[in-house]
Amino acid sequence: MSWDTLFSQGHGPYILGAYGVTFALMAWEVLALWRRARRSGRRQADVSSPARDAGRTLR
């Protein structure tokens, strides 16, 4: 299928719109997962940081 036949049959905007929405949602999902992983990594770094354990005494 060529670009000319895609647009001449009138389905082009619907197909390209569907691809655009799909691409945007996939990009949003990747961004959301990346942000969640960054936040989780920071949280774990805060929990295991030596500065946080400095005030504790060993018994």
PDB file of N, CA and C in Angstrom:
ATOM      1  N   MET A   1       0.849  -1.180   0.000  1.00  0.00           N
ATOM      2  CA  MET A   1       0.000   0.000   0.000  1.00  0.00           C
ATOM      3  C   MET A   1       0.895   1.244   0.000  1.00  0.00           C
ATOM      4  N   SER A   2       0.574   2.175  -0.862  1.00  0.00           N
ATOM      5  CA  SER A   2       1.359   3.401  -0.943  1.00  0.00           C
ATOM      6  C   SER A   2       0.641   4.517  -0.174  1.00  0.00           C
ATOM      7  N   TRP A   3       1.353   5.602   0.030  1.00  0.00           N
ATOM      8  CA  TRP A   3       0.780   6.736   0.740  1.00  0.00           C
ATOM      9  C   TRP A   3      -0.375   7.347  -0.051  1.00  0.00           C
ATOM     10  N   ASP A   4      -0.269   7.343  -1.380  1.00  0.00           N
ATOM     11  CA  ASP A   4      -1.325   7.924  -2.212  1.00  0.00           C
ATOM     12  C   ASP A   4      -2.639   7.162  -2.058  1.00  0.00           C
ATOM     13  N   THR A   5      -2.579   5.849  -2.092  1.00  0.00           N
ATOM     14  CA  THR A   5      -3.819   5.071  -1.939  1.00  0.00           C
ATOM     15  C   THR A   5      -4.376   5.202  -0.530  1.00  0.00           C
ATOM     16  N   LEU A   6      -3.491   5.351   0.447  1.00  0.00           N
ATOM     17  CA  LEU A   6      -3.949   5.505   1.836  1.00  0.00           C
ATOM     18  C   LEU A   6      -4.784   6.774   1.990  1.00  0.00           C
ATOM     19  N   PHE A   7      -4.300   7.872   1.421  1.00  0.00           N
ATOM     20  CA  PHE A   7      -5.021   9.134   1.565  1.00  0.00           C
ATOM     21  C   PHE A   7      -6.158   9.293   0.564  1.00  0.00           C
ATOM     22  N   SER A   8      -6.081   8.639  -0.579  1.00  0.00           N
ATOM     23  CA  SER A   8      -7.136   8.795  -1.576  1.00  0.00           C
ATOM     24  C   SER A   8      -8.418   8.048  -1.187  1.00  0.00           C
ATOM     25  N   GLN A   9      -8.310   7.029  -0.367  1.00  0.00           N
ATOM     26  CA  GLN A   9      -9.491   6.270   0.052  1.00  0.00           C
ATOM     27  C   GLN A   9     -10.170   6.903   1.261  1.00  0.00           C
ATOM     28  N   GLY A  10      -9.578   7.896   1.846  1.00  0.00           N
ATOM     29  CA  GLY A  10     -10.197   8.604   2.960  1.00  0.00           C
ATOM     30  C   GLY A  10      -9.911   8.014   4.334  1.00  0.00           C
ATOM     31  N   HIS A  11      -9.131   6.958   4.385  1.00  0.00           N
ATOM     32  CA  HIS A  11      -8.844   6.329   5.680  1.00  0.00           C
ATOM     33  C   HIS A  11      -7.558   6.850   6.314  1.00  0.00           C
ATOM     34  N   GLY A  12      -6.814   7.647   5.613  1.00  0.00           N
ATOM     35  CA  GLY A  12      -5.513   8.124   6.085  1.00  0.00           C
ATOM     36  C   GLY A  12      -5.550   8.817   7.426  1.00  0.00           C
ATOM     37  N   PRO A  13      -6.428   9.798   7.622  1.00  0.00           N
ATOM     38  CA  PRO A  13      -6.443  10.485   8.916  1.00  0.00           C
ATOM     39  C   PRO A  13      -6.763   9.551  10.091  1.00  0.00           C
ATOM     40  N   TYR A  14      -7.628   8.585   9.861  1.00  0.00           N
ATOM     41  CA  TYR A  14      -7.978   7.662  10.944  1.00  0.00           C
ATOM     42  C   TYR A  14      -6.818   6.740  11.286  1.00  0.00           C
ATOM     43  N   ILE A  15      -6.172   6.233  10.248  1.00  0.00           N
ATOM     44  CA  ILE A  15      -5.054   5.318  10.476  1.00  0.00           C
ATOM     45  C   ILE A  15      -3.869   6.055  11.086  1.00  0.00           C
ATOM     46  N   LEU A  16      -3.534   7.204  10.519  1.00  0.00           N
ATOM     47  CA  LEU A  16      -2.418   7.966  11.069  1.00  0.00           C
ATOM     48  C   LEU A  16      -2.733   8.480  12.472  1.00  0.00           C
ATOM     49  N   GLY A  17      -3.982   8.834  12.723  1.00  0.00           N
ATOM     50  CA  GLY A  17      -4.379   9.251  14.070  1.00  0.00           C
ATOM     51  C   GLY A  17      -4.245   8.115  15.075  1.00  0.00           C
ATOM     52  N   ALA A  18      -4.637   6.913  14.649  1.00  0.00           N
ATOM     53  CA  ALA A  18      -4.515   5.751  15.538  1.00  0.00           C
ATOM     54  C   ALA A  18      -3.051   5.459  15.845  1.00  0.00           C
ATOM     55  N   TYR A  19      -2.197   5.544  14.824  1.00  0.00           N
ATOM     56  CA  TYR A  19      -0.768   5.353  15.051  1.00  0.00           C
ATOM     57  C   TYR A  19      -0.212   6.442  15.971  1.00  0.00           C
ATOM     58  N   GLY A  20      -0.649   7.664  15.771  1.00  0.00           N
ATOM     59  CA  GLY A  20      -0.173   8.767  16.611  1.00  0.00           C
ATOM     60  C   GLY A  20      -0.564   8.601  18.069  1.00  0.00           C
ATOM     61  N   VAL A  21      -1.819   8.233  18.303  1.00  0.00           N
ATOM     62  CA  VAL A  21      -2.282   8.028  19.681  1.00  0.00           C
ATOM     63  C   VAL A  21      -1.543   6.858  20.317  1.00  0.00           C
ATOM     64  N   THR A  22      -1.368   5.784  19.561  1.00  0.00           N
ATOM     65  CA  THR A  22      -0.646   4.619  20.085  1.00  0.00           C
ATOM     66  C   THR A  22       0.782   4.982  20.442  1.00  0.00           C
ATOM     67  N   PHE A  23       1.463   5.703  19.561  1.00  0.00           N
ATOM     68  CA  PHE A  23       2.836   6.112  19.840  1.00  0.00           C
ATOM     69  C   PHE A  23       2.903   7.015  21.066  1.00  0.00           C
ATOM     70  N   ALA A  24       1.971   7.951  21.186  1.00  0.00           N
ATOM     71  CA  ALA A  24       1.969   8.865  22.330  1.00  0.00           C
ATOM     72  C   ALA A  24       1.745   8.105  23.634  1.00  0.00           C
ATOM     73  N   LEU A  25       0.823   7.149  23.637  1.00  0.00           N
ATOM     74  CA  LEU A  25       0.567   6.372  24.850  1.00  0.00           C
ATOM     75  C   LEU A  25       1.747   5.473  25.213  1.00  0.00           C
ATOM     76  N   MET A  26       2.404   4.918  24.209  1.00  0.00           N
ATOM     77  CA  MET A  26       3.591   4.101  24.492  1.00  0.00           C
ATOM     78  C   MET A  26       4.718   4.959  25.067  1.00  0.00           C
ATOM     79  N   ALA A  27       4.900   6.146  24.533  1.00  0.00           N
ATOM     80  CA  ALA A  27       5.924   7.055  25.062  1.00  0.00           C
ATOM     81  C   ALA A  27       5.582   7.477  26.486  1.00  0.00           C
ATOM     82  N   TRP A  28       4.307   7.727  26.747  1.00  0.00           N
ATOM     83  CA  TRP A  28       3.881   8.103  28.096  1.00  0.00           C
ATOM     84  C   TRP A  28       4.131   6.961  29.085  1.00  0.00           C
ATOM     85  N   GLU A  29       3.889   5.729  28.665  1.00  0.00           N
ATOM     86  CA  GLU A  29       4.121   4.564  29.529  1.00  0.00           C
ATOM     87  C   GLU A  29       5.603   4.405  29.852  1.00  0.00           C
ATOM     88  N   VAL A  30       6.453   4.581  28.846  1.00  0.00           N
ATOM     89  CA  VAL A  30       7.899   4.493  29.078  1.00  0.00           C
ATOM     90  C   VAL A  30       8.344   5.583  30.042  1.00  0.00           C
ATOM     91  N   LEU A  31       7.847   6.795  29.854  1.00  0.00           N
ATOM     92  CA  LEU A  31       8.206   7.899  30.744  1.00  0.00           C
ATOM     93  C   LEU A  31       7.732   7.632  32.170  1.00  0.00           C
ATOM     94  N   ALA A  32       6.515   7.129  32.321  1.00  0.00           N
ATOM     95  CA  ALA A  32       5.981   6.837  33.655  1.00  0.00           C
ATOM     96  C   ALA A  32       6.801   5.758  34.347  1.00  0.00           C
ATOM     97  N   LEU A  33       7.168   4.708  33.623  1.00  0.00           N
ATOM     98  CA  LEU A  33       7.978   3.642  34.217  1.00  0.00           C
ATOM     99  C   LEU A  33       9.371   4.135  34.569  1.00  0.00           C
ATOM    100  N   TRP A  34       9.941   4.988  33.729  1.00  0.00           N
ATOM    101  CA  TRP A  34      11.264   5.544  34.015  1.00  0.00           C
ATOM    102  C   TRP A  34      11.236   6.408  35.276  1.00  0.00           C
ATOM    103  N   ARG A  35      10.188   7.235  35.386  1.00  0.00           N
ATOM    104  CA  ARG A  35      10.076   8.088  36.580  1.00  0.00           C
ATOM    105  C   ARG A  35       9.871   7.253  37.832  1.00  0.00           C
ATOM    106  N   ARG A  36       9.066   6.187  37.731  1.00  0.00           N
ATOM    107  CA  ARG A  36       8.823   5.320  38.887  1.00  0.00           C
ATOM    108  C   ARG A  36      10.111   4.607  39.306  1.00  0.00           C
ATOM    109  N   ALA A  37      10.899   4.170  38.351  1.00  0.00           N
ATOM    110  CA  ALA A  37      12.159   3.500  38.666  1.00  0.00           C
ATOM    111  C   ALA A  37      13.141   4.475  39.312  1.00  0.00           C
ATOM    112  N   ARG A  38      13.174   5.702  38.812  1.00  0.00           N
ATOM    113  CA  ARG A  38      14.056   6.711  39.420  1.00  0.00           C
ATOM    114  C   ARG A  38      13.655   7.000  40.848  1.00  0.00           C
ATOM    115  N   ARG A  39      12.337   7.156  41.071  1.00  0.00           N
ATOM    116  CA  ARG A  39      11.851   7.423  42.420  1.00  0.00           C
ATOM    117  C   ARG A  39      12.152   6.259  43.357  1.00  0.00           C
ATOM    118  N   SER A  40      11.974   5.042  42.876  1.00  0.00           N
ATOM    119  CA  SER A  40      12.231   3.860  43.680  1.00  0.00           C
ATOM    120  C   SER A  40      13.716   3.751  44.018  1.00  0.00           C
ATOM    121  N   GLY A  41      14.562   4.062  43.054  1.00  0.00           N
ATOM    122  CA  GLY A  41      16.002   4.029  43.291  1.00  0.00           C
ATOM    123  C   GLY A  41      16.428   5.057  44.307  1.00  0.00           C
ATOM    124  N   ARG A  42      15.844   6.231  44.240  1.00  0.00           N
ATOM    125  CA  ARG A  42      16.162   7.269  45.233  1.00  0.00           C
ATOM    126  C   ARG A  42      15.710   6.853  46.619  1.00  0.00           C
ATOM    127  N   ARG A  43      14.516   6.250  46.690  1.00  0.00           N
ATOM    128  CA  ARG A  43      13.994   5.832  47.974  1.00  0.00           C
ATOM    129  C   ARG A  43      14.889   4.771  48.599  1.00  0.00           C
ATOM    130  N   GLN A  44      15.380   3.834  47.793  1.00  0.00           N
ATOM    131  CA  GLN A  44      16.254   2.802  48.317  1.00  0.00           C
ATOM    132  C   GLN A  44      17.598   3.388  48.716  1.00  0.00           C
ATOM    133  N   ALA A  45      18.089   4.365  47.982  1.00  0.00           N
ATOM    134  CA  ALA A  45      19.353   5.003  48.335  1.00  0.00           C
ATOM    135  C   ALA A  45      19.211   5.754  49.657  1.00  0.00           C
ATOM    136  N   ASP A  46      18.051   6.358  49.893  1.00  0.00           N
ATOM    137  CA  ASP A  46      17.819   7.064  51.149  1.00  0.00           C
ATOM    138  C   ASP A  46      17.761   6.094  52.326  1.00  0.00           C
ATOM    139  N   VAL A  47      17.169   4.954  52.126  1.00  0.00           N
ATOM    140  CA  VAL A  47      17.021   3.971  53.196  1.00  0.00           C
ATOM    141  C   VAL A  47      18.371   3.397  53.578  1.00  0.00           C
ATOM    142  N   SER A  48      19.232   3.146  52.618  1.00  0.00           N
ATOM    143  CA  SER A  48      20.504   2.493  52.907  1.00  0.00           C
ATOM    144  C   SER A  48      21.672   3.474  52.987  1.00  0.00           C
ATOM    145  N   SER A  49      21.401   4.751  53.122  1.00  0.00           N
ATOM    146  CA  SER A  49      22.501   5.716  53.163  1.00  0.00           C
ATOM    147  C   SER A  49      23.200   5.684  54.518  1.00  0.00           C
ATOM    148  N   PRO A  50      24.509   5.797  54.539  1.00  0.00           N
ATOM    149  CA  PRO A  50      25.255   5.762  55.798  1.00  0.00           C
ATOM    150  C   PRO A  50      24.952   6.965  56.690  1.00  0.00           C
ATOM    151  N   ALA A  51      24.593   8.095  56.117  1.00  0.00           N
ATOM    152  CA  ALA A  51      24.307   9.275  56.926  1.00  0.00           C
ATOM    153  C   ALA A  51      23.082   9.044  57.796  1.00  0.00           C
ATOM    154  N   ARG A  52      22.183   8.256  57.329  1.00  0.00           N
ATOM    155  CA  ARG A  52      20.970   7.989  58.093  1.00  0.00           C
ATOM    156  C   ARG A  52      21.270   7.065  59.275  1.00  0.00           C
ATOM    157  N   ASP A  53      22.230   6.172  59.101  1.00  0.00           N
ATOM    158  CA  ASP A  53      22.578   5.230  60.164  1.00  0.00           C
ATOM    159  C   ASP A  53      23.592   5.804  61.147  1.00  0.00           C
ATOM    160  N   ALA A  54      24.112   6.983  60.918  1.00  0.00           N
ATOM    161  CA  ALA A  54      25.168   7.552  61.751  1.00  0.00           C
ATOM    162  C   ALA A  54      24.709   7.799  63.185  1.00  0.00           C
ATOM    163  N   GLY A  55      23.454   8.123  63.384  1.00  0.00           N
ATOM    164  CA  GLY A  55      22.967   8.414  64.729  1.00  0.00           C
ATOM    165  C   GLY A  55      22.577   7.184  65.531  1.00  0.00           C
ATOM    166  N   ARG A  56      22.542   6.057  64.921  1.00  0.00           N
ATOM    167  CA  ARG A  56      22.147   4.830  65.629  1.00  0.00           C
ATOM    168  C   ARG A  56      23.305   4.258  66.411  1.00  0.00           C
ATOM    169  N   THR A  57      22.990   3.664  67.517  1.00  0.00           N
ATOM    170  CA  THR A  57      24.022   3.011  68.323  1.00  0.00           C
ATOM    171  C   THR A  57      23.824   1.502  68.236  1.00  0.00           C
ATOM    172  N   LEU A  58      24.897   0.783  68.276  1.00  0.00           N
ATOM    173  CA  LEU A  58      24.841  -0.667  68.228  1.00  0.00           C
ATOM    174  C   LEU A  58      24.716  -1.219  69.642  1.00  0.00           C
ATOM    175  N   ARG A  59      23.897  -2.215  69.804  1.00  0.00           N
ATOM    176  CA  ARG A  59      23.736  -2.812  71.152  1.00  0.00           C
ATOM    177  C   ARG A  59      24.247  -4.204  71.158  1.00  0.00           C
TER     178      ARG A  59
END
